[in-house]
Amino acid sequence: MKSGVFPLTMYFDGICPLCVAEVKQLRTLDADGNLRFEDIHAQDFINRYPHINREAVNRVLHAEYADGRLLLGLDVTQHVWRAVDKNHWLALLRWPIIRWFADMVYWIFARYRYSISYLLTGIRRCDSCAIKLPGEYQEKP
């Protein structure tokens, strides 16, 4: 899949500990400023991005290039990591036959990400994960 015009804005779930951990890692690696990150739970999200459906983004990861091209799911993952010149192996997940299986696994992850977060971190959801340092997550009631 061809890249669009940077910056690439990734719309993410800011109450998901695993999602926020990935965003933090990407921010650290984004030396060229190719990426922007927007928490779909920000109070002004709908006003700033009226063309982005928050409920849809909450079901499947979305990103948008500056030229308006929208990416979904694992295509987002591949493009954001390519933007920071890391994890090039993710391109394999977009090959035709592998893509179908990889997308199925992604859909399961996306649907159960809070439970998976709990299994891996002991925290299902957190308040303001995006502004806290690693290890400072607070579980959401």
Protein backbone atom coordinates (compact mmCIF):
# COMPACT_ATOMS: atom_id res chain seq x y z
CA MET A 1 0.00 0.00 0.00
CA LYS A 2 1.33 3.37 -1.04
CA SER A 3 2.03 6.06 1.56
CA GLY A 4 0.15 9.34 1.54
CA VAL A 5 1.27 12.82 2.45
CA PHE A 6 2.63 13.28 5.96
CA PRO A 7 1.74 13.94 8.65
CA LEU A 8 -0.21 10.77 9.33
CA THR A 9 -2.75 11.27 12.13
CA MET A 10 -3.51 8.19 14.19
CA TYR A 11 -6.81 8.21 16.10
CA PHE A 12 -6.39 6.05 19.19
CA ASP A 13 -8.23 4.82 22.29
CA GLY A 14 -6.72 6.83 25.15
CA ILE A 15 -8.24 4.65 27.87
CA CYS A 16 -6.66 1.43 26.56
CA PRO A 17 -3.31 0.79 28.30
CA LEU A 18 -1.89 -1.22 25.38
CA CYS A 19 -2.99 1.36 22.82
CA VAL A 20 -1.43 4.20 24.80
CA ALA A 21 1.80 2.24 25.30
CA GLU A 22 2.13 1.88 21.52
CA VAL A 23 1.45 5.59 20.98
CA LYS A 24 4.10 6.50 23.57
CA GLN A 25 6.62 4.28 21.82
CA LEU A 26 5.77 5.76 18.43
CA ARG A 27 6.04 9.33 19.79
CA THR A 28 9.50 8.54 21.08
CA LEU A 29 10.61 7.14 17.72
CA ASP A 30 9.03 9.86 15.55
CA ALA A 31 12.14 12.03 15.14
CA ASP A 32 10.98 13.35 11.74
CA GLY A 33 7.56 14.48 12.98
CA ASN A 34 5.67 12.30 10.51
CA LEU A 35 2.97 11.31 12.99
CA ARG A 36 0.18 13.02 14.92
CA PHE A 37 -1.86 11.31 17.62
CA GLU A 38 -5.43 12.09 18.60
CA ASP A 39 -7.23 10.49 21.55
CA ILE A 40 -10.80 9.69 20.52
CA HIS A 41 -11.91 10.28 24.12
CA ALA A 42 -10.69 13.89 24.20
CA GLN A 43 -13.59 16.22 25.00
CA ASP A 44 -13.11 18.27 21.84
CA PHE A 45 -12.45 15.32 19.50
CA ILE A 46 -15.83 15.48 17.74
CA ASN A 47 -15.52 19.25 17.21
CA ARG A 48 -12.00 19.00 15.80
CA TYR A 49 -12.64 15.88 13.68
CA PRO A 50 -16.33 15.93 12.69
CA HIS A 51 -15.58 13.70 9.69
CA ILE A 52 -14.26 10.91 11.93
CA ASN A 53 -16.83 8.63 13.58
CA ARG A 54 -15.67 8.06 17.15
CA GLU A 55 -17.68 4.84 17.51
CA ALA A 56 -16.12 3.40 14.35
CA VAL A 57 -12.64 4.34 15.55
CA ASN A 58 -13.39 2.66 18.86
CA ARG A 59 -14.10 -0.58 16.95
CA VAL A 60 -11.17 -0.42 14.53
CA LEU A 61 -8.02 1.69 14.48
CA HIS A 62 -8.13 4.64 12.04
CA ALA A 63 -5.44 6.94 10.67
CA GLU A 64 -5.57 9.71 8.10
CA TYR A 65 -2.87 11.14 5.89
CA ALA A 66 -2.71 14.91 5.33
CA ASP A 67 -4.08 14.33 1.82
CA GLY A 68 -7.26 12.85 3.35
CA ARG A 69 -6.53 9.17 2.65
CA LEU A 70 -7.98 7.05 5.45
CA LEU A 71 -6.41 3.82 6.71
CA LEU A 72 -8.01 1.16 8.91
CA GLY A 73 -6.84 -1.65 11.20
CA LEU A 74 -3.51 -3.28 10.47
CA ASP A 75 -2.93 -0.93 7.55
CA VAL A 76 -2.66 1.81 10.20
CA THR A 77 -0.22 -0.26 12.22
CA GLN A 78 1.97 -0.92 9.21
CA HIS A 79 2.00 2.71 8.07
CA VAL A 80 2.71 4.29 11.46
CA TRP A 81 5.63 1.93 12.09
CA ARG A 82 6.94 2.50 8.58
CA ALA A 83 6.72 6.27 9.24
CA VAL A 84 9.23 5.82 12.10
CA ASP A 85 11.33 3.37 10.04
CA LYS A 86 10.74 0.40 12.37
CA ASN A 87 9.05 -3.01 12.30
CA HIS A 88 9.27 -3.45 8.54
CA TRP A 89 8.18 -7.07 8.99
CA LEU A 90 4.61 -5.78 9.42
CA ALA A 91 4.45 -5.48 5.62
CA LEU A 92 4.24 -9.28 5.52
CA LEU A 93 0.88 -9.07 7.30
CA ARG A 94 -0.54 -7.20 4.31
CA TRP A 95 0.33 -9.89 1.75
CA PRO A 96 -2.86 -11.29 0.19
CA ILE A 97 -3.30 -14.66 1.91
CA ILE A 98 -1.64 -13.64 5.17
CA ARG A 99 -3.70 -10.43 5.22
CA TRP A 100 -6.98 -12.30 5.72
CA PHE A 101 -5.68 -14.24 8.73
CA ALA A 102 -3.85 -11.23 10.19
CA ASP A 103 -7.01 -9.14 9.90
CA MET A 104 -9.03 -11.81 11.72
CA VAL A 105 -6.52 -11.79 14.58
CA TYR A 106 -6.57 -7.97 14.60
CA TRP A 107 -10.40 -7.90 14.80
CA ILE A 108 -10.28 -10.24 17.80
CA PHE A 109 -7.62 -8.06 19.45
CA ALA A 110 -9.58 -4.85 18.75
CA ARG A 111 -12.79 -6.29 20.14
CA TYR A 112 -11.20 -7.69 23.30
CA ARG A 113 -8.38 -5.17 23.82
CA TYR A 114 -9.51 -4.23 27.32
CA SER A 115 -9.53 -7.85 28.45
CA ILE A 116 -6.17 -8.45 26.73
CA SER A 117 -4.81 -5.32 28.44
CA TYR A 118 -5.97 -6.71 31.76
CA LEU A 119 -4.26 -10.05 31.12
CA LEU A 120 -0.99 -8.39 30.10
CA THR A 121 -0.88 -5.37 32.45
CA GLY A 122 -3.39 -6.05 35.21
CA ILE A 123 -5.29 -2.94 34.09
CA ARG A 124 -8.38 -3.08 31.89
CA ARG A 125 -8.94 0.66 31.30
CA CYS A 126 -7.34 3.77 32.67
CA ASP A 127 -8.10 7.44 33.10
CA SER A 128 -5.85 9.77 31.14
CA CYS A 129 -3.35 7.07 30.17
CA ALA A 130 -1.95 9.33 27.48
CA ILE A 131 -0.69 11.94 29.91
CA LYS A 132 0.71 9.61 32.54
CA LEU A 133 4.09 7.97 32.49
CA PRO A 134 4.41 4.18 32.13
CA GLY A 135 3.58 2.45 35.39
CA GLU A 136 1.30 5.30 36.50
CA TYR A 137 -1.92 4.03 34.92
CA GLN A 138 -5.05 4.27 37.03
CA GLU A 139 -7.77 1.75 36.40
CA LYS A 140 -11.08 3.19 35.29
CA PRO A 141 -14.02 2.02 37.44
